[in-house]
Amino acid sequence: MCCFSSSLIFCSRGGVTTTCFWSPGEPNDCFGVEDSGCLQKSGWNDANAQEHKAFFCYRAVVVEEQKTWEEALEYCREHHDDLASVASETEMLLIQRELKKHNPAEHVWIGLHFFSLVGQAGWLWVDRQEMDYEAWDEGGKPACPDPRMECAAIQVTEGTEGVWGAHDCEEKLNFVCY
């Protein structure tokens, strides 16, 4: 995969990037001073490191406690920010990397829930992020799940890791917060 044609792009942790999500026309090293990167709505953009920009940190936290989906949501909101949303392939990769450091059960809760609202029903992230990225298992996204199966979990086992599935919300699983 190419990020720069003649040089490598390094992450803040020192590793070389293997996947690139550059905005169209980027990186372009405008005026020869763009030696760092930033995130824009359309993707990555190279930027001048001297410019002051807002920043964010994303950290997935695997909690190895068995809780129902609702209990996991309450725990994450009390001790962290929320149950983890997986709004992009990058977030999925970060969560998978964190899961490999632990020994959770076969599935772990994420912050995805089926809501039946007046005149509208669908799967929504509890932190209100848009659902642009999806990674459903071979059964696909349930259009109208059984009321007990309105919570989503990531599969952790080898071969099918990283796919989502609908689960019984009362099942007790480990979970991922951020």
C-alpha atoms as a PDB file:
ATOM      1  CA  MET A   1       0.000   0.000   0.000  1.00  0.00           C
ATOM      2  CA  CYS A   2       1.345   3.414  -0.743  1.00  0.00           C
ATOM      3  CA  CYS A   3       1.295   6.372   1.549  1.00  0.00           C
ATOM      4  CA  PHE A   4       4.208   8.344   0.134  1.00  0.00           C
ATOM      5  CA  SER A   5       5.851   7.181  -3.044  1.00  0.00           C
ATOM      6  CA  SER A   6       9.395   7.533  -1.753  1.00  0.00           C
ATOM      7  CA  SER A   7       9.164   7.574   2.039  1.00  0.00           C
ATOM      8  CA  LEU A   8       7.397   5.842   4.873  1.00  0.00           C
ATOM      9  CA  ILE A   9       4.793   7.337   7.184  1.00  0.00           C
ATOM     10  CA  PHE A  10       5.302   6.575  10.866  1.00  0.00           C
ATOM     11  CA  CYS A  11       2.671   6.515  13.592  1.00  0.00           C
ATOM     12  CA  SER A  12       3.076   8.368  16.876  1.00  0.00           C
ATOM     13  CA  ARG A  13       3.886   5.026  18.557  1.00  0.00           C
ATOM     14  CA  GLY A  14       6.792   4.482  16.152  1.00  0.00           C
ATOM     15  CA  GLY A  15       5.254   1.878  13.842  1.00  0.00           C
ATOM     16  CA  VAL A  16       4.933   2.221  10.094  1.00  0.00           C
ATOM     17  CA  THR A  17       1.397   2.622   8.791  1.00  0.00           C
ATOM     18  CA  THR A  18       0.138  -0.232   6.649  1.00  0.00           C
ATOM     19  CA  THR A  19      -3.195   1.249   5.600  1.00  0.00           C
ATOM     20  CA  CYS A  20      -3.737   4.794   4.444  1.00  0.00           C
ATOM     21  CA  PHE A  21      -6.904   6.835   4.388  1.00  0.00           C
ATOM     22  CA  TRP A  22      -5.704   9.957   2.596  1.00  0.00           C
ATOM     23  CA  SER A  23      -8.171  12.558   1.350  1.00  0.00           C
ATOM     24  CA  PRO A  24      -8.174  12.974  -2.444  1.00  0.00           C
ATOM     25  CA  GLY A  25      -4.993  14.778  -3.546  1.00  0.00           C
ATOM     26  CA  GLU A  26      -3.211  14.142  -0.249  1.00  0.00           C
ATOM     27  CA  PRO A  27      -0.479  14.008   0.857  1.00  0.00           C
ATOM     28  CA  ASN A  28       0.751  16.940  -1.172  1.00  0.00           C
ATOM     29  CA  ASP A  29       3.408  18.563   1.082  1.00  0.00           C
ATOM     30  CA  CYS A  30       2.058  22.024   0.236  1.00  0.00           C
ATOM     31  CA  PHE A  31       4.892  24.600   0.147  1.00  0.00           C
ATOM     32  CA  GLY A  32       7.264  21.871   1.344  1.00  0.00           C
ATOM     33  CA  VAL A  33       6.310  22.367   5.009  1.00  0.00           C
ATOM     34  CA  GLU A  34       3.727  19.640   5.637  1.00  0.00           C
ATOM     35  CA  ASP A  35       5.612  17.080   7.704  1.00  0.00           C
ATOM     36  CA  SER A  36       2.818  15.822   9.971  1.00  0.00           C
ATOM     37  CA  GLY A  37      -0.752  14.697   9.575  1.00  0.00           C
ATOM     38  CA  CYS A  38      -4.238  15.565  10.690  1.00  0.00           C
ATOM     39  CA  LEU A  39      -7.709  14.157  10.288  1.00  0.00           C
ATOM     40  CA  GLN A  40     -10.353  15.879   8.218  1.00  0.00           C
ATOM     41  CA  LYS A  41     -13.906  14.787   7.473  1.00  0.00           C
ATOM     42  CA  SER A  42     -12.831  13.301   4.119  1.00  0.00           C
ATOM     43  CA  GLY A  43      -9.757  11.482   5.501  1.00  0.00           C
ATOM     44  CA  TRP A  44      -6.128  12.185   6.334  1.00  0.00           C
ATOM     45  CA  ASN A  45      -4.381  15.393   5.317  1.00  0.00           C
ATOM     46  CA  ASP A  46      -0.716  16.261   5.622  1.00  0.00           C
ATOM     47  CA  ALA A  47      -0.127  19.424   7.644  1.00  0.00           C
ATOM     48  CA  ASN A  48       2.491  21.742   9.058  1.00  0.00           C
ATOM     49  CA  ALA A  49       3.498  20.496  12.505  1.00  0.00           C
ATOM     50  CA  GLN A  50       3.898  24.115  13.692  1.00  0.00           C
ATOM     51  CA  GLU A  51       0.155  24.819  13.311  1.00  0.00           C
ATOM     52  CA  HIS A  52      -1.983  24.503  16.434  1.00  0.00           C
ATOM     53  CA  LYS A  53      -4.821  22.055  15.910  1.00  0.00           C
ATOM     54  CA  ALA A  54      -7.410  20.414  18.117  1.00  0.00           C
ATOM     55  CA  PHE A  55      -6.682  16.778  18.846  1.00  0.00           C
ATOM     56  CA  PHE A  56      -8.352  13.710  20.285  1.00  0.00           C
ATOM     57  CA  CYS A  57      -7.253  10.442  21.749  1.00  0.00           C
ATOM     58  CA  TYR A  58      -9.011   7.134  21.259  1.00  0.00           C
ATOM     59  CA  ARG A  59      -8.258   4.373  23.676  1.00  0.00           C
ATOM     60  CA  ALA A  60     -10.126   1.098  23.771  1.00  0.00           C
ATOM     61  CA  VAL A  61     -10.337  -0.476  27.236  1.00  0.00           C
ATOM     62  CA  VAL A  62     -11.181  -4.159  27.502  1.00  0.00           C
ATOM     63  CA  VAL A  63     -13.071  -4.879  30.730  1.00  0.00           C
ATOM     64  CA  GLU A  64     -12.854  -8.517  31.753  1.00  0.00           C
ATOM     65  CA  GLU A  65     -15.959  -8.549  33.916  1.00  0.00           C
ATOM     66  CA  GLN A  66     -19.101 -10.453  32.999  1.00  0.00           C
ATOM     67  CA  LYS A  67     -21.999  -8.007  32.695  1.00  0.00           C
ATOM     68  CA  THR A  68     -25.251  -7.697  30.781  1.00  0.00           C
ATOM     69  CA  TRP A  69     -25.237  -5.140  27.981  1.00  0.00           C
ATOM     70  CA  GLU A  70     -27.043  -2.562  30.165  1.00  0.00           C
ATOM     71  CA  GLU A  71     -24.654  -3.156  33.085  1.00  0.00           C
ATOM     72  CA  ALA A  72     -21.684  -2.807  30.719  1.00  0.00           C
ATOM     73  CA  LEU A  73     -23.097   0.488  29.407  1.00  0.00           C
ATOM     74  CA  GLU A  74     -23.493   1.835  32.963  1.00  0.00           C
ATOM     75  CA  TYR A  75     -19.983   0.669  33.917  1.00  0.00           C
ATOM     76  CA  CYS A  76     -18.370   2.317  30.882  1.00  0.00           C
ATOM     77  CA  ARG A  77     -20.221   5.589  31.447  1.00  0.00           C
ATOM     78  CA  GLU A  78     -19.213   5.620  35.116  1.00  0.00           C
ATOM     79  CA  HIS A  79     -15.549   4.611  34.727  1.00  0.00           C
ATOM     80  CA  HIS A  80     -14.686   5.690  31.163  1.00  0.00           C
ATOM     81  CA  ASP A  81     -16.693   7.504  28.471  1.00  0.00           C
ATOM     82  CA  ASP A  82     -19.045   4.976  26.910  1.00  0.00           C
ATOM     83  CA  LEU A  83     -19.367   1.484  25.491  1.00  0.00           C
ATOM     84  CA  ALA A  84     -17.107   1.462  22.454  1.00  0.00           C
ATOM     85  CA  SER A  85     -18.485   2.364  19.079  1.00  0.00           C
ATOM     86  CA  VAL A  86     -16.765   0.948  16.022  1.00  0.00           C
ATOM     87  CA  ALA A  87     -17.366   3.745  13.551  1.00  0.00           C
ATOM     88  CA  SER A  88     -14.482   2.920  11.211  1.00  0.00           C
ATOM     89  CA  GLU A  89     -12.087   0.220  10.150  1.00  0.00           C
ATOM     90  CA  THR A  90      -9.375   2.062  12.099  1.00  0.00           C
ATOM     91  CA  GLU A  91     -11.382   1.851  15.327  1.00  0.00           C
ATOM     92  CA  MET A  92     -12.021  -1.846  14.636  1.00  0.00           C
ATOM     93  CA  LEU A  93      -8.285  -2.437  14.234  1.00  0.00           C
ATOM     94  CA  LEU A  94      -7.527  -0.559  17.474  1.00  0.00           C
ATOM     95  CA  ILE A  95     -10.126  -2.584  19.373  1.00  0.00           C
ATOM     96  CA  GLN A  96      -8.891  -5.880  17.895  1.00  0.00           C
ATOM     97  CA  ARG A  97      -5.314  -5.020  18.858  1.00  0.00           C
ATOM     98  CA  GLU A  98      -6.444  -4.316  22.420  1.00  0.00           C
ATOM     99  CA  LEU A  99      -8.507  -7.531  22.572  1.00  0.00           C
ATOM    100  CA  LYS A 100      -5.426  -9.578  21.606  1.00  0.00           C
ATOM    101  CA  LYS A 101      -3.711  -8.350  24.806  1.00  0.00           C
ATOM    102  CA  HIS A 102      -6.461  -9.917  26.910  1.00  0.00           C
ATOM    103  CA  ASN A 103      -8.208 -13.241  27.150  1.00  0.00           C
ATOM    104  CA  PRO A 104     -11.877 -12.289  26.902  1.00  0.00           C
ATOM    105  CA  ALA A 105     -14.721 -14.666  26.188  1.00  0.00           C
ATOM    106  CA  GLU A 106     -15.746 -15.537  22.627  1.00  0.00           C
ATOM    107  CA  HIS A 107     -17.808 -12.331  22.305  1.00  0.00           C
ATOM    108  CA  VAL A 108     -17.557  -8.871  23.917  1.00  0.00           C
ATOM    109  CA  TRP A 109     -20.191  -6.141  24.127  1.00  0.00           C
ATOM    110  CA  ILE A 110     -19.908  -2.978  22.052  1.00  0.00           C
ATOM    111  CA  GLY A 111     -22.089   0.131  22.131  1.00  0.00           C
ATOM    112  CA  LEU A 112     -24.435  -0.908  19.336  1.00  0.00           C
ATOM    113  CA  HIS A 113     -28.137  -1.427  20.097  1.00  0.00           C
ATOM    114  CA  PHE A 114     -31.338  -1.863  18.121  1.00  0.00           C
ATOM    115  CA  PHE A 115     -33.832   0.873  19.015  1.00  0.00           C
ATOM    116  CA  SER A 116     -37.517   0.810  18.114  1.00  0.00           C
ATOM    117  CA  LEU A 117     -38.515   4.462  18.076  1.00  0.00           C
ATOM    118  CA  VAL A 118     -41.869   5.851  17.004  1.00  0.00           C
ATOM    119  CA  GLY A 119     -41.893   5.711  13.209  1.00  0.00           C
ATOM    120  CA  GLN A 120     -38.262   4.642  13.085  1.00  0.00           C
ATOM    121  CA  ALA A 121     -36.276   1.567  14.042  1.00  0.00           C
ATOM    122  CA  GLY A 122     -32.673   0.583  13.554  1.00  0.00           C
ATOM    123  CA  TRP A 123     -29.234  -0.116  14.920  1.00  0.00           C
ATOM    124  CA  LEU A 124     -27.601   2.913  16.544  1.00  0.00           C
ATOM    125  CA  TRP A 125     -24.385   3.621  18.430  1.00  0.00           C
ATOM    126  CA  VAL A 126     -25.131   4.712  21.994  1.00  0.00           C
ATOM    127  CA  ASP A 127     -22.686   7.627  21.640  1.00  0.00           C
ATOM    128  CA  ARG A 128     -24.742   8.866  18.635  1.00  0.00           C
ATOM    129  CA  GLN A 129     -21.994   8.338  16.050  1.00  0.00           C
ATOM    130  CA  GLU A 130     -23.252   7.667  12.551  1.00  0.00           C
ATOM    131  CA  MET A 131     -23.159   4.075  11.391  1.00  0.00           C
ATOM    132  CA  ASP A 132     -21.082   4.490   8.236  1.00  0.00           C
ATOM    133  CA  TYR A 133     -18.937   1.402   8.880  1.00  0.00           C
ATOM    134  CA  GLU A 134     -20.461  -2.058   9.404  1.00  0.00           C
ATOM    135  CA  ALA A 135     -18.914  -5.482  10.036  1.00  0.00           C
ATOM    136  CA  TRP A 136     -21.850  -7.854  10.557  1.00  0.00           C
ATOM    137  CA  ASP A 137     -21.342 -11.614  10.650  1.00  0.00           C
ATOM    138  CA  GLU A 138     -22.541 -13.897   7.844  1.00  0.00           C
ATOM    139  CA  GLY A 139     -26.138 -13.529   9.085  1.00  0.00           C
ATOM    140  CA  GLY A 140     -26.000  -9.823   8.239  1.00  0.00           C
ATOM    141  CA  LYS A 141     -27.638  -6.938  10.048  1.00  0.00           C
ATOM    142  CA  PRO A 142     -30.926  -8.075  11.609  1.00  0.00           C
ATOM    143  CA  ALA A 143     -33.687  -5.762  10.336  1.00  0.00           C
ATOM    144  CA  CYS A 144     -36.101  -6.543  13.157  1.00  0.00           C
ATOM    145  CA  PRO A 145     -34.427  -8.697  15.821  1.00  0.00           C
ATOM    146  CA  ASP A 146     -36.190 -10.565  18.585  1.00  0.00           C
ATOM    147  CA  PRO A 147     -36.554  -8.079  21.497  1.00  0.00           C
ATOM    148  CA  ARG A 148     -34.009 -10.053  23.555  1.00  0.00           C
ATOM    149  CA  MET A 149     -31.461  -9.905  20.700  1.00  0.00           C
ATOM    150  CA  GLU A 150     -31.187  -6.126  20.372  1.00  0.00           C
ATOM    151  CA  CYS A 151     -27.584  -5.767  21.597  1.00  0.00           C
ATOM    152  CA  ALA A 152     -24.421  -6.250  19.549  1.00  0.00           C
ATOM    153  CA  ALA A 153     -21.145  -7.932  20.396  1.00  0.00           C
ATOM    154  CA  ILE A 154     -17.861  -8.409  18.553  1.00  0.00           C
ATOM    155  CA  GLN A 155     -16.680 -11.950  17.953  1.00  0.00           C
ATOM    156  CA  VAL A 156     -13.179 -12.452  19.315  1.00  0.00           C
ATOM    157  CA  THR A 157     -12.283 -15.995  18.173  1.00  0.00           C
ATOM    158  CA  GLU A 158      -9.699 -16.549  15.431  1.00  0.00           C
ATOM    159  CA  GLY A 159     -10.925 -16.685  11.865  1.00  0.00           C
ATOM    160  CA  THR A 160     -14.079 -14.660  12.473  1.00  0.00           C
ATOM    161  CA  GLU A 161     -12.682 -12.007  14.797  1.00  0.00           C
ATOM    162  CA  GLY A 162     -13.995  -8.518  14.410  1.00  0.00           C
ATOM    163  CA  VAL A 163     -17.454  -9.331  13.112  1.00  0.00           C
ATOM    164  CA  TRP A 164     -20.577  -8.160  14.922  1.00  0.00           C
ATOM    165  CA  GLY A 165     -23.616 -10.151  15.809  1.00  0.00           C
ATOM    166  CA  ALA A 166     -26.909  -9.616  17.622  1.00  0.00           C
ATOM    167  CA  HIS A 167     -26.980 -11.143  21.093  1.00  0.00           C
ATOM    168  CA  ASP A 168     -29.329 -11.569  24.021  1.00  0.00           C
ATOM    169  CA  CYS A 169     -28.923  -8.347  26.033  1.00  0.00           C
ATOM    170  CA  GLU A 170     -29.166 -10.313  29.301  1.00  0.00           C
ATOM    171  CA  GLU A 171     -26.179 -12.495  28.401  1.00  0.00           C
ATOM    172  CA  LYS A 172     -23.161 -11.716  30.591  1.00  0.00           C
ATOM    173  CA  LEU A 173     -20.099 -10.845  28.518  1.00  0.00           C
ATOM    174  CA  ASN A 174     -16.843  -8.921  28.786  1.00  0.00           C
ATOM    175  CA  PHE A 175     -16.996  -5.550  27.040  1.00  0.00           C
ATOM    176  CA  VAL A 176     -15.018  -2.724  25.463  1.00  0.00           C
ATOM    177  CA  CYS A 177     -15.189   0.870  26.703  1.00  0.00           C
ATOM    178  CA  TYR A 178     -13.471   3.983  25.402  1.00  0.00           C
END
